[in-house]
Amino acid sequence: MNHCPMHTLLDFERFRHGTPRELINRLREEHRILWETDDYSGGHWLLFHQDDIDHVLKTPELFTNSYSPILDDFPAEILAEQQQSMTFMDPPGHRKYRSLVDYAFRLKQLEARKPLMHRIARETVDRVIDRGECEFVNEIAMQMPMRVMFALLGVRDQDFGYVVDLVNTLALADDPEFAENRALGFQASMELIEFGTRLAADHRRNPRDSMTMDVINTAIDGRALGDREFGRFFNNLVVGGLETTRNTLALGLHQLILHPEQYRLLEQDPGLVAGAVEEFLRHQNTVVYLRRTATRDMEYLGQQIGKGDKLVCILGAPNRDPALFPDPDAFDITRPV
């Protein structure tokens, strides 16, 4: 068995000052698969290469998503609830619920709601522009996607703060400075599901033009979507939509500040925005890893994998692989997609 030369790569302290790129690059160069110990269940396997990550993520009969996409093992009663949500599902169930996302964000509806999104973007910037400075993470990177998403979903203004606090609690549950234990994160996730359930019920009583209305009127397997099902969908959507978007905006701006020539390119040619977003995602990869769980004993990449073993895909590792991206550490918004 190959052992990682440290207690754990995924310890929060290793990411306190940013992603440990040099360490991840070295591990990718030296290993296909690697065992390391952790504080969750004794240990897990790490994967760093694109082909291996693709295989694990796309072979659910061998590597299931149903126990959790993160390292935490959920308490049984919470796991039972979460296993009915999209982020804990394997195909074909995942595909059915993923179709709700595709439907909610279909191009025709987004085009119709663009004026709303543009207005929110202008209002968000107008609140700070006269000051000449702002605390970008909270005042722009969080506020803009939050207000856009909540407006699209029909969340009432008075509920914004409550939902954002739950998202932040869930996102920071592993950080010892911000949460006493992981139970707070589990509870926040359940409260988001409850809020989404109430939101669906409110829309049925008081119909209005929103993505929530679109989704609850959509059929799955020939039946109407239940309020609790929408609650789980809401939990997935706001956690994924707010946390990752906030981080991508903030880290992307940071890279533009560090590389003013790239900022000038973007300023001169707004048509580069799509490529810039792709480079933000590649260069900074705000989602560090995804976990899968082995469904049976097997030999994989020369190692004996036991049923129930956790396999952790380090998603950013291929993004800095020179075999896939020329000069991978360079930040280049004109990089071919």
C-alpha atoms as a PDB file:
ATOM      1  CA  MET A   1       0.000   0.000   0.000  1.00  0.00           C
ATOM      2  CA  ASN A   2       1.239   3.504  -0.857  1.00  0.00           C
ATOM      3  CA  HIS A   3       1.038   5.847   2.125  1.00  0.00           C
ATOM      4  CA  CYS A   4       0.772   9.630   2.042  1.00  0.00           C
ATOM      5  CA  PRO A   5       3.807  11.179   3.780  1.00  0.00           C
ATOM      6  CA  MET A   6       1.606  13.185   6.164  1.00  0.00           C
ATOM      7  CA  HIS A   7      -1.370  12.810   8.456  1.00  0.00           C
ATOM      8  CA  THR A   8      -3.804  14.147   5.876  1.00  0.00           C
ATOM      9  CA  LEU A   9      -3.754  16.316   2.784  1.00  0.00           C
ATOM     10  CA  LEU A  10      -7.285  17.512   3.498  1.00  0.00           C
ATOM     11  CA  ASP A  11      -6.644  18.914   6.968  1.00  0.00           C
ATOM     12  CA  PHE A  12      -8.099  22.425   7.167  1.00  0.00           C
ATOM     13  CA  GLU A  13      -4.753  23.864   8.295  1.00  0.00           C
ATOM     14  CA  ARG A  14      -3.148  22.937   4.979  1.00  0.00           C
ATOM     15  CA  PHE A  15      -5.628  25.238   3.217  1.00  0.00           C
ATOM     16  CA  ARG A  16      -5.541  28.146   5.667  1.00  0.00           C
ATOM     17  CA  HIS A  17      -3.342  30.231   3.368  1.00  0.00           C
ATOM     18  CA  GLY A  18      -4.690  28.858   0.108  1.00  0.00           C
ATOM     19  CA  THR A  19      -4.706  25.558  -1.736  1.00  0.00           C
ATOM     20  CA  PRO A  20      -1.360  23.716  -1.290  1.00  0.00           C
ATOM     21  CA  ARG A  21      -0.682  23.572  -5.047  1.00  0.00           C
ATOM     22  CA  GLU A  22       2.948  22.475  -4.855  1.00  0.00           C
ATOM     23  CA  LEU A  23       2.087  19.572  -2.576  1.00  0.00           C
ATOM     24  CA  ILE A  24      -0.832  18.457  -4.756  1.00  0.00           C
ATOM     25  CA  ASN A  25       1.338  18.721  -7.884  1.00  0.00           C
ATOM     26  CA  ARG A  26       4.034  16.587  -6.268  1.00  0.00           C
ATOM     27  CA  LEU A  27       1.553  13.947  -5.144  1.00  0.00           C
ATOM     28  CA  ARG A  28       0.030  13.845  -8.640  1.00  0.00           C
ATOM     29  CA  GLU A  29       3.465  13.366 -10.192  1.00  0.00           C
ATOM     30  CA  GLU A  30       4.440  10.614  -7.761  1.00  0.00           C
ATOM     31  CA  HIS A  31       1.210   8.630  -7.318  1.00  0.00           C
ATOM     32  CA  ARG A  32      -1.828   7.311  -9.178  1.00  0.00           C
ATOM     33  CA  ILE A  33      -3.591   6.334  -5.956  1.00  0.00           C
ATOM     34  CA  LEU A  34      -2.548   6.966  -2.389  1.00  0.00           C
ATOM     35  CA  TRP A  35      -3.781   5.971   1.069  1.00  0.00           C
ATOM     36  CA  GLU A  36      -3.752   8.478   3.905  1.00  0.00           C
ATOM     37  CA  THR A  37      -5.125   8.558   7.423  1.00  0.00           C
ATOM     38  CA  ASP A  38      -7.826  10.971   8.531  1.00  0.00           C
ATOM     39  CA  ASP A  39      -9.909  11.948  11.548  1.00  0.00           C
ATOM     40  CA  TYR A  40     -13.186  10.736  10.033  1.00  0.00           C
ATOM     41  CA  SER A  41     -12.989   6.972   9.630  1.00  0.00           C
ATOM     42  CA  GLY A  42      -9.320   6.056   9.814  1.00  0.00           C
ATOM     43  CA  GLY A  43      -8.339   6.709   6.218  1.00  0.00           C
ATOM     44  CA  HIS A  44      -9.222   7.081   2.569  1.00  0.00           C
ATOM     45  CA  TRP A  45      -7.745   6.780  -0.912  1.00  0.00           C
ATOM     46  CA  LEU A  46      -6.646   9.855  -2.880  1.00  0.00           C
ATOM     47  CA  LEU A  47      -6.802  10.144  -6.674  1.00  0.00           C
ATOM     48  CA  PHE A  48      -5.101  12.892  -8.691  1.00  0.00           C
ATOM     49  CA  HIS A  49      -5.249  12.005 -12.404  1.00  0.00           C
ATOM     50  CA  GLN A  50      -7.996  12.999 -14.835  1.00  0.00           C
ATOM     51  CA  ASP A  51      -8.665   9.518 -16.244  1.00  0.00           C
ATOM     52  CA  ASP A  52      -8.815   7.941 -12.777  1.00  0.00           C
ATOM     53  CA  ILE A  53     -11.096  10.663 -11.419  1.00  0.00           C
ATOM     54  CA  ASP A  54     -13.400  10.352 -14.435  1.00  0.00           C
ATOM     55  CA  HIS A  55     -13.578   6.584 -13.976  1.00  0.00           C
ATOM     56  CA  VAL A  56     -14.432   6.774 -10.277  1.00  0.00           C
ATOM     57  CA  LEU A  57     -17.030   9.528 -10.704  1.00  0.00           C
ATOM     58  CA  LYS A  58     -18.676   7.856 -13.710  1.00  0.00           C
ATOM     59  CA  THR A  59     -18.806   4.236 -12.524  1.00  0.00           C
ATOM     60  CA  PRO A  60     -21.473   4.243  -9.789  1.00  0.00           C
ATOM     61  CA  GLU A  61     -21.833   0.461  -9.782  1.00  0.00           C
ATOM     62  CA  LEU A  62     -18.305   0.326  -8.298  1.00  0.00           C
ATOM     63  CA  PHE A  63     -18.030   3.724  -6.608  1.00  0.00           C
ATOM     64  CA  THR A  64     -21.286   5.011  -5.178  1.00  0.00           C
ATOM     65  CA  ASN A  65     -22.268   8.541  -4.208  1.00  0.00           C
ATOM     66  CA  SER A  66     -25.030   7.376  -1.878  1.00  0.00           C
ATOM     67  CA  TYR A  67     -23.118   7.599   1.413  1.00  0.00           C
ATOM     68  CA  SER A  68     -21.897  11.180   0.984  1.00  0.00           C
ATOM     69  CA  PRO A  69     -19.932  13.269  -1.523  1.00  0.00           C
ATOM     70  CA  ILE A  70     -17.813  14.586   1.392  1.00  0.00           C
ATOM     71  CA  LEU A  71     -15.592  12.822   3.917  1.00  0.00           C
ATOM     72  CA  ASP A  72     -18.034  13.154   6.794  1.00  0.00           C
ATOM     73  CA  ASP A  73     -20.121  10.115   7.665  1.00  0.00           C
ATOM     74  CA  PHE A  74     -23.591  11.489   8.336  1.00  0.00           C
ATOM     75  CA  PRO A  75     -25.666  10.336  11.329  1.00  0.00           C
ATOM     76  CA  ALA A  76     -28.105   7.631  10.233  1.00  0.00           C
ATOM     77  CA  GLU A  77     -31.270   9.727  10.478  1.00  0.00           C
ATOM     78  CA  ILE A  78     -29.739  12.618   8.505  1.00  0.00           C
ATOM     79  CA  LEU A  79     -28.175  10.257   5.956  1.00  0.00           C
ATOM     80  CA  ALA A  80     -31.593   8.701   5.298  1.00  0.00           C
ATOM     81  CA  GLU A  81     -32.952  12.167   4.465  1.00  0.00           C
ATOM     82  CA  GLN A  82     -29.957  13.208   2.380  1.00  0.00           C
ATOM     83  CA  GLN A  83     -29.975   9.981   0.356  1.00  0.00           C
ATOM     84  CA  GLN A  84     -33.236  11.170  -1.157  1.00  0.00           C
ATOM     85  CA  SER A  85     -31.543  14.319  -2.494  1.00  0.00           C
ATOM     86  CA  MET A  86     -29.740  14.723  -5.797  1.00  0.00           C
ATOM     87  CA  THR A  87     -26.225  15.187  -4.387  1.00  0.00           C
ATOM     88  CA  PHE A  88     -26.345  11.749  -2.727  1.00  0.00           C
ATOM     89  CA  MET A  89     -27.825   9.893  -5.697  1.00  0.00           C
ATOM     90  CA  ASP A  90     -26.378   7.677  -8.399  1.00  0.00           C
ATOM     91  CA  PRO A  91     -27.955   7.323 -11.845  1.00  0.00           C
ATOM     92  CA  PRO A  92     -30.704   6.910 -12.864  1.00  0.00           C
ATOM     93  CA  GLY A  93     -32.195   8.741  -9.869  1.00  0.00           C
ATOM     94  CA  HIS A  94     -29.621  11.507 -10.068  1.00  0.00           C
ATOM     95  CA  ARG A  95     -30.417  12.055 -13.728  1.00  0.00           C
ATOM     96  CA  LYS A  96     -34.122  12.543 -13.001  1.00  0.00           C
ATOM     97  CA  TYR A  97     -33.512  15.232 -10.411  1.00  0.00           C
ATOM     98  CA  ARG A  98     -30.722  16.806 -12.429  1.00  0.00           C
ATOM     99  CA  SER A  99     -33.310  17.353 -15.145  1.00  0.00           C
ATOM    100  CA  LEU A 100     -35.048  19.729 -12.717  1.00  0.00           C
ATOM    101  CA  VAL A 101     -31.927  21.905 -12.670  1.00  0.00           C
ATOM    102  CA  ASP A 102     -31.773  21.864 -16.451  1.00  0.00           C
ATOM    103  CA  TYR A 103     -35.450  22.799 -16.607  1.00  0.00           C
ATOM    104  CA  ALA A 104     -35.192  25.574 -14.009  1.00  0.00           C
ATOM    105  CA  PHE A 105     -32.209  27.124 -15.793  1.00  0.00           C
ATOM    106  CA  ARG A 106     -33.390  26.576 -19.354  1.00  0.00           C
ATOM    107  CA  LEU A 107     -32.243  29.284 -21.735  1.00  0.00           C
ATOM    108  CA  LYS A 108     -35.702  30.633 -22.600  1.00  0.00           C
ATOM    109  CA  GLN A 109     -36.542  31.339 -18.966  1.00  0.00           C
ATOM    110  CA  LEU A 110     -33.126  32.815 -18.197  1.00  0.00           C
ATOM    111  CA  GLU A 111     -33.411  35.158 -21.162  1.00  0.00           C
ATOM    112  CA  ALA A 112     -36.813  36.309 -19.925  1.00  0.00           C
ATOM    113  CA  ARG A 113     -35.368  36.990 -16.461  1.00  0.00           C
ATOM    114  CA  LYS A 114     -32.178  38.719 -17.613  1.00  0.00           C
ATOM    115  CA  PRO A 115     -33.558  42.223 -16.909  1.00  0.00           C
ATOM    116  CA  LEU A 116     -34.081  41.176 -13.275  1.00  0.00           C
ATOM    117  CA  MET A 117     -30.512  39.862 -13.039  1.00  0.00           C
ATOM    118  CA  HIS A 118     -29.073  42.991 -14.663  1.00  0.00           C
ATOM    119  CA  ARG A 119     -31.013  45.219 -12.262  1.00  0.00           C
ATOM    120  CA  ILE A 120     -29.728  43.319  -9.229  1.00  0.00           C
ATOM    121  CA  ALA A 121     -26.145  43.475 -10.528  1.00  0.00           C
ATOM    122  CA  ARG A 122     -26.382  47.255 -11.008  1.00  0.00           C
ATOM    123  CA  GLU A 123     -27.979  47.785  -7.597  1.00  0.00           C
ATOM    124  CA  THR A 124     -25.306  45.686  -5.891  1.00  0.00           C
ATOM    125  CA  VAL A 125     -22.488  47.718  -7.421  1.00  0.00           C
ATOM    126  CA  ASP A 126     -24.297  51.052  -6.935  1.00  0.00           C
ATOM    127  CA  ARG A 127     -24.411  50.426  -3.180  1.00  0.00           C
ATOM    128  CA  VAL A 128     -20.614  50.595  -2.914  1.00  0.00           C
ATOM    129  CA  ILE A 129     -19.294  52.467  -5.946  1.00  0.00           C
ATOM    130  CA  ASP A 130     -19.398  55.971  -4.445  1.00  0.00           C
ATOM    131  CA  ARG A 131     -17.244  54.825  -1.504  1.00  0.00           C
ATOM    132  CA  GLY A 132     -14.433  53.905  -3.880  1.00  0.00           C
ATOM    133  CA  GLU A 133     -13.821  50.669  -1.973  1.00  0.00           C
ATOM    134  CA  CYS A 134     -15.704  47.678  -0.633  1.00  0.00           C
ATOM    135  CA  GLU A 135     -15.322  44.413   1.232  1.00  0.00           C
ATOM    136  CA  PHE A 136     -15.714  42.429  -1.976  1.00  0.00           C
ATOM    137  CA  VAL A 137     -16.443  38.959  -0.611  1.00  0.00           C
ATOM    138  CA  ASN A 138     -19.483  39.941   1.447  1.00  0.00           C
ATOM    139  CA  GLU A 139     -20.663  43.080  -0.350  1.00  0.00           C
ATOM    140  CA  ILE A 140     -20.385  41.866  -3.952  1.00  0.00           C
ATOM    141  CA  ALA A 141     -19.373  38.202  -4.315  1.00  0.00           C
ATOM    142  CA  MET A 142     -21.992  37.051  -1.804  1.00  0.00           C
ATOM    143  CA  GLN A 143     -24.677  39.683  -2.286  1.00  0.00           C
ATOM    144  CA  MET A 144     -25.036  39.510  -6.054  1.00  0.00           C
ATOM    145  CA  PRO A 145     -25.512  35.735  -6.546  1.00  0.00           C
ATOM    146  CA  MET A 146     -27.576  35.558  -3.355  1.00  0.00           C
ATOM    147  CA  ARG A 147     -29.993  38.284  -4.438  1.00  0.00           C
ATOM    148  CA  VAL A 148     -30.218  36.902  -7.987  1.00  0.00           C
ATOM    149  CA  MET A 149     -30.864  33.330  -6.858  1.00  0.00           C
ATOM    150  CA  PHE A 150     -33.355  34.276  -4.152  1.00  0.00           C
ATOM    151  CA  ALA A 151     -35.237  36.578  -6.526  1.00  0.00           C
ATOM    152  CA  LEU A 152     -35.419  33.795  -9.122  1.00  0.00           C
ATOM    153  CA  LEU A 153     -36.631  31.301  -6.505  1.00  0.00           C
ATOM    154  CA  GLY A 154     -39.185  33.689  -5.015  1.00  0.00           C
ATOM    155  CA  VAL A 155     -37.569  33.849  -1.547  1.00  0.00           C
ATOM    156  CA  ARG A 156     -38.918  36.851   0.349  1.00  0.00           C
ATOM    157  CA  ASP A 157     -36.492  39.640   1.289  1.00  0.00           C
ATOM    158  CA  GLN A 158     -37.014  39.151   5.031  1.00  0.00           C
ATOM    159  CA  ASP A 159     -35.743  35.558   4.757  1.00  0.00           C
ATOM    160  CA  PHE A 160     -32.449  36.376   3.004  1.00  0.00           C
ATOM    161  CA  GLY A 161     -30.367  36.699   6.170  1.00  0.00           C
ATOM    162  CA  TYR A 162     -31.690  33.484   7.701  1.00  0.00           C
ATOM    163  CA  VAL A 163     -30.926  31.393   4.613  1.00  0.00           C
ATOM    164  CA  VAL A 164     -27.456  32.907   4.135  1.00  0.00           C
ATOM    165  CA  ASP A 165     -26.593  32.202   7.782  1.00  0.00           C
ATOM    166  CA  LEU A 166     -27.532  28.553   7.252  1.00  0.00           C
ATOM    167  CA  VAL A 167     -25.409  28.330   4.084  1.00  0.00           C
ATOM    168  CA  ASN A 168     -22.433  29.869   5.905  1.00  0.00           C
ATOM    169  CA  THR A 169     -22.847  27.526   8.869  1.00  0.00           C
ATOM    170  CA  LEU A 170     -22.887  24.540   6.550  1.00  0.00           C
ATOM    171  CA  ALA A 171     -19.880  25.778   4.566  1.00  0.00           C
ATOM    172  CA  LEU A 172     -17.793  26.480   7.672  1.00  0.00           C
ATOM    173  CA  ALA A 173     -18.747  23.425   9.709  1.00  0.00           C
ATOM    174  CA  ASP A 174     -15.282  21.874   9.262  1.00  0.00           C
ATOM    175  CA  ASP A 175     -13.456  25.034  10.352  1.00  0.00           C
ATOM    176  CA  PRO A 176     -12.619  24.892  14.075  1.00  0.00           C
ATOM    177  CA  GLU A 177     -12.622  28.708  14.256  1.00  0.00           C
ATOM    178  CA  PHE A 178     -16.234  28.990  13.097  1.00  0.00           C
ATOM    179  CA  ALA A 179     -18.032  25.890  14.326  1.00  0.00           C
ATOM    180  CA  GLU A 180     -17.803  23.831  17.489  1.00  0.00           C
ATOM    181  CA  ASN A 181     -18.536  20.594  15.693  1.00  0.00           C
ATOM    182  CA  ARG A 182     -19.909  19.115  12.505  1.00  0.00           C
ATOM    183  CA  ALA A 183     -23.333  18.665  14.051  1.00  0.00           C
ATOM    184  CA  LEU A 184     -23.984  22.358  13.358  1.00  0.00           C
ATOM    185  CA  GLY A 185     -23.432  21.738   9.659  1.00  0.00           C
ATOM    186  CA  PHE A 186     -25.736  18.717   9.657  1.00  0.00           C
ATOM    187  CA  GLN A 187     -28.435  20.745  11.424  1.00  0.00           C
ATOM    188  CA  ALA A 188     -28.046  23.677   9.016  1.00  0.00           C
ATOM    189  CA  SER A 189     -28.566  21.337   6.075  1.00  0.00           C
ATOM    190  CA  MET A 190     -31.770  19.991   7.616  1.00  0.00           C
ATOM    191  CA  GLU A 191     -33.030  23.527   8.291  1.00  0.00           C
ATOM    192  CA  LEU A 192     -32.423  24.458   4.651  1.00  0.00           C
ATOM    193  CA  ILE A 193     -34.506  21.458   3.601  1.00  0.00           C
ATOM    194  CA  GLU A 194     -37.274  22.551   5.977  1.00  0.00           C
ATOM    195  CA  PHE A 195     -37.139  26.108   4.623  1.00  0.00           C
ATOM    196  CA  GLY A 196     -37.343  24.873   1.035  1.00  0.00           C
ATOM    197  CA  THR A 197     -40.305  22.680   1.985  1.00  0.00           C
ATOM    198  CA  ARG A 198     -42.125  25.706   3.415  1.00  0.00           C
ATOM    199  CA  LEU A 199     -41.197  27.768   0.346  1.00  0.00           C
ATOM    200  CA  ALA A 200     -42.824  25.206  -1.958  1.00  0.00           C
ATOM    201  CA  ALA A 201     -45.963  25.078   0.183  1.00  0.00           C
ATOM    202  CA  ASP A 202     -46.164  28.878   0.190  1.00  0.00           C
ATOM    203  CA  HIS A 203     -45.908  28.938  -3.608  1.00  0.00           C
ATOM    204  CA  ARG A 204     -48.774  26.467  -3.886  1.00  0.00           C
ATOM    205  CA  ARG A 205     -50.915  28.709  -1.668  1.00  0.00           C
ATOM    206  CA  ASN A 206     -49.739  31.939  -3.298  1.00  0.00           C
ATOM    207  CA  PRO A 207     -48.638  31.194  -6.890  1.00  0.00           C
ATOM    208  CA  ARG A 208     -46.125  33.621  -8.396  1.00  0.00           C
ATOM    209  CA  ASP A 209     -43.647  33.788 -11.268  1.00  0.00           C
ATOM    210  CA  SER A 210     -40.484  32.076 -10.025  1.00  0.00           C
ATOM    211  CA  MET A 211     -38.224  29.090 -10.558  1.00  0.00           C
ATOM    212  CA  THR A 212     -39.814  27.498  -7.513  1.00  0.00           C
ATOM    213  CA  MET A 213     -43.186  27.643  -9.266  1.00  0.00           C
ATOM    214  CA  ASP A 214     -41.625  26.178 -12.416  1.00  0.00           C
ATOM    215  CA  VAL A 215     -40.050  23.267 -10.541  1.00  0.00           C
ATOM    216  CA  ILE A 216     -42.992  22.290  -8.324  1.00  0.00           C
ATOM    217  CA  ASN A 217     -45.178  22.174 -11.430  1.00  0.00           C
ATOM    218  CA  THR A 218     -42.750  19.746 -13.089  1.00  0.00           C
ATOM    219  CA  ALA A 219     -43.492  16.015 -13.057  1.00  0.00           C
ATOM    220  CA  ILE A 220     -41.003  13.274 -12.149  1.00  0.00           C
ATOM    221  CA  ASP A 221     -41.928   9.730 -13.163  1.00  0.00           C
ATOM    222  CA  GLY A 222     -45.388  10.983 -14.077  1.00  0.00           C
ATOM    223  CA  ARG A 223     -46.158  12.509 -10.676  1.00  0.00           C
ATOM    224  CA  ALA A 224     -45.987  15.985  -9.199  1.00  0.00           C
ATOM    225  CA  LEU A 225     -42.917  16.963  -7.193  1.00  0.00           C
ATOM    226  CA  GLY A 226     -43.664  16.953  -3.454  1.00  0.00           C
ATOM    227  CA  ASP A 227     -42.903  19.870  -1.135  1.00  0.00           C
ATOM    228  CA  ARG A 228     -40.283  17.845   0.760  1.00  0.00           C
ATOM    229  CA  GLU A 229     -38.631  16.835  -2.503  1.00  0.00           C
ATOM    230  CA  PHE A 230     -38.417  20.492  -3.445  1.00  0.00           C
ATOM    231  CA  GLY A 231     -36.936  21.207  -0.003  1.00  0.00           C
ATOM    232  CA  ARG A 232     -34.054  18.838  -0.740  1.00  0.00           C
ATOM    233  CA  PHE A 233     -33.674  20.362  -4.209  1.00  0.00           C
ATOM    234  CA  PHE A 234     -33.578  23.843  -2.631  1.00  0.00           C
ATOM    235  CA  ASN A 235     -30.864  22.748  -0.198  1.00  0.00           C
ATOM    236  CA  ASN A 236     -28.702  21.431  -3.045  1.00  0.00           C
ATOM    237  CA  LEU A 237     -29.295  24.487  -5.204  1.00  0.00           C
ATOM    238  CA  VAL A 238     -28.555  27.244  -2.701  1.00  0.00           C
ATOM    239  CA  VAL A 239     -25.522  25.568  -1.139  1.00  0.00           C
ATOM    240  CA  GLY A 240     -23.990  24.813  -4.529  1.00  0.00           C
ATOM    241  CA  GLY A 241     -25.083  28.080  -6.082  1.00  0.00           C
ATOM    242  CA  LEU A 242     -24.092  30.504  -3.331  1.00  0.00           C
ATOM    243  CA  GLU A 243     -20.918  29.040  -1.855  1.00  0.00           C
ATOM    244  CA  THR A 244     -19.178  28.100  -5.089  1.00  0.00           C
ATOM    245  CA  THR A 245     -20.259  31.262  -6.921  1.00  0.00           C
ATOM    246  CA  ARG A 246     -19.101  33.518  -4.092  1.00  0.00           C
ATOM    247  CA  ASN A 247     -15.726  31.811  -3.961  1.00  0.00           C
ATOM    248  CA  THR A 248     -15.278  31.819  -7.735  1.00  0.00           C
ATOM    249  CA  LEU A 249     -16.070  35.542  -7.980  1.00  0.00           C
ATOM    250  CA  ALA A 250     -13.760  36.425  -5.096  1.00  0.00           C
ATOM    251  CA  LEU A 251     -10.846  34.247  -6.190  1.00  0.00           C
ATOM    252  CA  GLY A 252     -11.317  35.307  -9.807  1.00  0.00           C
ATOM    253  CA  LEU A 253     -11.104  38.991  -8.887  1.00  0.00           C
ATOM    254  CA  HIS A 254      -8.016  38.258  -6.814  1.00  0.00           C
ATOM    255  CA  GLN A 255      -6.334  36.739  -9.855  1.00  0.00           C
ATOM    256  CA  LEU A 256      -7.284  39.761 -11.982  1.00  0.00           C
ATOM    257  CA  ILE A 257      -5.712  42.027  -9.344  1.00  0.00           C
ATOM    258  CA  LEU A 258      -2.557  39.910  -9.349  1.00  0.00           C
ATOM    259  CA  HIS A 259      -2.493  39.942 -13.166  1.00  0.00           C
ATOM    260  CA  PRO A 260      -3.499  43.462 -14.270  1.00  0.00           C
ATOM    261  CA  GLU A 261      -2.682  42.687 -17.899  1.00  0.00           C
ATOM    262  CA  GLN A 262      -5.451  40.062 -17.818  1.00  0.00           C
ATOM    263  CA  TYR A 263      -7.828  42.602 -16.290  1.00  0.00           C
ATOM    264  CA  ARG A 264      -7.042  45.051 -19.080  1.00  0.00           C
ATOM    265  CA  LEU A 265      -7.758  42.376 -21.692  1.00  0.00           C
ATOM    266  CA  LEU A 266     -11.142  41.724 -20.115  1.00  0.00           C
ATOM    267  CA  GLU A 267     -11.900  45.427 -19.806  1.00  0.00           C
ATOM    268  CA  GLN A 268     -11.082  45.991 -23.480  1.00  0.00           C
ATOM    269  CA  ASP A 269     -12.993  42.949 -24.729  1.00  0.00           C
ATOM    270  CA  PRO A 270     -16.048  41.866 -22.679  1.00  0.00           C
ATOM    271  CA  GLY A 271     -16.399  39.001 -25.141  1.00  0.00           C
ATOM    272  CA  LEU A 272     -13.654  37.279 -23.136  1.00  0.00           C
ATOM    273  CA  VAL A 273     -15.942  36.890 -20.110  1.00  0.00           C
ATOM    274  CA  ALA A 274     -16.900  33.271 -20.867  1.00  0.00           C
ATOM    275  CA  GLY A 275     -13.250  32.242 -21.228  1.00  0.00           C
ATOM    276  CA  ALA A 276     -12.354  34.195 -18.087  1.00  0.00           C
ATOM    277  CA  VAL A 277     -14.963  32.297 -16.066  1.00  0.00           C
ATOM    278  CA  GLU A 278     -13.570  28.982 -17.340  1.00  0.00           C
ATOM    279  CA  GLU A 279     -10.081  30.079 -16.312  1.00  0.00           C
ATOM    280  CA  PHE A 280     -11.317  31.166 -12.869  1.00  0.00           C
ATOM    281  CA  LEU A 281     -12.754  27.677 -12.405  1.00  0.00           C
ATOM    282  CA  ARG A 282      -9.685  25.868 -13.746  1.00  0.00           C
ATOM    283  CA  HIS A 283      -7.081  27.958 -11.973  1.00  0.00           C
ATOM    284  CA  GLN A 284      -8.804  28.226  -8.587  1.00  0.00           C
ATOM    285  CA  ASN A 285     -11.179  25.187  -8.496  1.00  0.00           C
ATOM    286  CA  THR A 286     -13.320  26.170  -5.523  1.00  0.00           C
ATOM    287  CA  VAL A 287     -14.542  22.574  -4.992  1.00  0.00           C
ATOM    288  CA  VAL A 288     -11.498  20.788  -3.590  1.00  0.00           C
ATOM    289  CA  TYR A 289     -12.682  17.177  -3.743  1.00  0.00           C
ATOM    290  CA  LEU A 290     -15.546  14.731  -4.180  1.00  0.00           C
ATOM    291  CA  ARG A 291     -15.828  11.412  -2.376  1.00  0.00           C
ATOM    292  CA  ARG A 292     -17.160   8.098  -3.580  1.00  0.00           C
ATOM    293  CA  THR A 293     -17.514   4.835  -1.642  1.00  0.00           C
ATOM    294  CA  ALA A 294     -16.476   1.386  -2.918  1.00  0.00           C
ATOM    295  CA  THR A 295     -19.459  -0.932  -3.344  1.00  0.00           C
ATOM    296  CA  ARG A 296     -17.401  -4.154  -3.097  1.00  0.00           C
ATOM    297  CA  ASP A 297     -13.902  -5.501  -2.552  1.00  0.00           C
ATOM    298  CA  MET A 298     -11.773  -5.019  -5.661  1.00  0.00           C
ATOM    299  CA  GLU A 299      -8.300  -4.424  -7.024  1.00  0.00           C
ATOM    300  CA  TYR A 300      -7.982  -0.958  -8.493  1.00  0.00           C
ATOM    301  CA  LEU A 301      -4.828   0.729  -9.804  1.00  0.00           C
ATOM    302  CA  GLY A 302      -2.762  -2.030  -8.225  1.00  0.00           C
ATOM    303  CA  GLN A 303      -4.268  -1.581  -4.746  1.00  0.00           C
ATOM    304  CA  GLN A 304      -6.705  -3.714  -2.777  1.00  0.00           C
ATOM    305  CA  ILE A 305      -9.791  -1.593  -2.207  1.00  0.00           C
ATOM    306  CA  GLY A 306     -12.207  -2.803   0.463  1.00  0.00           C
ATOM    307  CA  LYS A 307     -15.978  -2.546   0.343  1.00  0.00           C
ATOM    308  CA  GLY A 308     -16.876   0.711   2.086  1.00  0.00           C
ATOM    309  CA  ASP A 309     -13.494   2.335   1.453  1.00  0.00           C
ATOM    310  CA  LYS A 310     -13.663   6.036   0.625  1.00  0.00           C
ATOM    311  CA  LEU A 311     -12.089   7.235  -2.620  1.00  0.00           C
ATOM    312  CA  VAL A 312     -11.416  10.980  -2.703  1.00  0.00           C
ATOM    313  CA  CYS A 313     -10.989  12.696  -6.071  1.00  0.00           C
ATOM    314  CA  ILE A 314      -8.796  15.812  -5.810  1.00  0.00           C
ATOM    315  CA  LEU A 315     -10.587  17.845  -8.463  1.00  0.00           C
ATOM    316  CA  GLY A 316      -7.999  20.577  -8.853  1.00  0.00           C
ATOM    317  CA  ALA A 317      -5.074  18.218  -9.440  1.00  0.00           C
ATOM    318  CA  PRO A 318      -5.735  17.654 -13.173  1.00  0.00           C
ATOM    319  CA  ASN A 319      -6.236  21.412 -13.642  1.00  0.00           C
ATOM    320  CA  ARG A 320      -2.525  21.958 -12.999  1.00  0.00           C
ATOM    321  CA  ASP A 321      -1.354  18.930 -14.977  1.00  0.00           C
ATOM    322  CA  PRO A 322       1.050  20.047 -17.746  1.00  0.00           C
ATOM    323  CA  ALA A 323      -0.003  17.024 -19.797  1.00  0.00           C
ATOM    324  CA  LEU A 324      -3.479  18.573 -20.024  1.00  0.00           C
ATOM    325  CA  PHE A 325      -2.785  22.322 -19.880  1.00  0.00           C
ATOM    326  CA  PRO A 326       0.331  24.016 -21.295  1.00  0.00           C
ATOM    327  CA  ASP A 327       1.953  26.235 -18.641  1.00  0.00           C
ATOM    328  CA  PRO A 328      -0.758  25.163 -16.177  1.00  0.00           C
ATOM    329  CA  ASP A 329       0.162  27.557 -13.360  1.00  0.00           C
ATOM    330  CA  ALA A 330      -0.258  30.604 -15.598  1.00  0.00           C
ATOM    331  CA  PHE A 331      -3.509  32.549 -15.303  1.00  0.00           C
ATOM    332  CA  ASP A 332      -4.625  33.205 -18.884  1.00  0.00           C
ATOM    333  CA  ILE A 333      -8.199  34.210 -19.731  1.00  0.00           C
ATOM    334  CA  THR A 334      -7.488  33.665 -23.448  1.00  0.00           C
ATOM    335  CA  ARG A 335      -6.615  29.996 -22.871  1.00  0.00           C
ATOM    336  CA  PRO A 336      -8.499  27.757 -25.355  1.00  0.00           C
ATOM    337  CA  VAL A 337     -11.435  26.064 -23.659  1.00  0.00           C
END
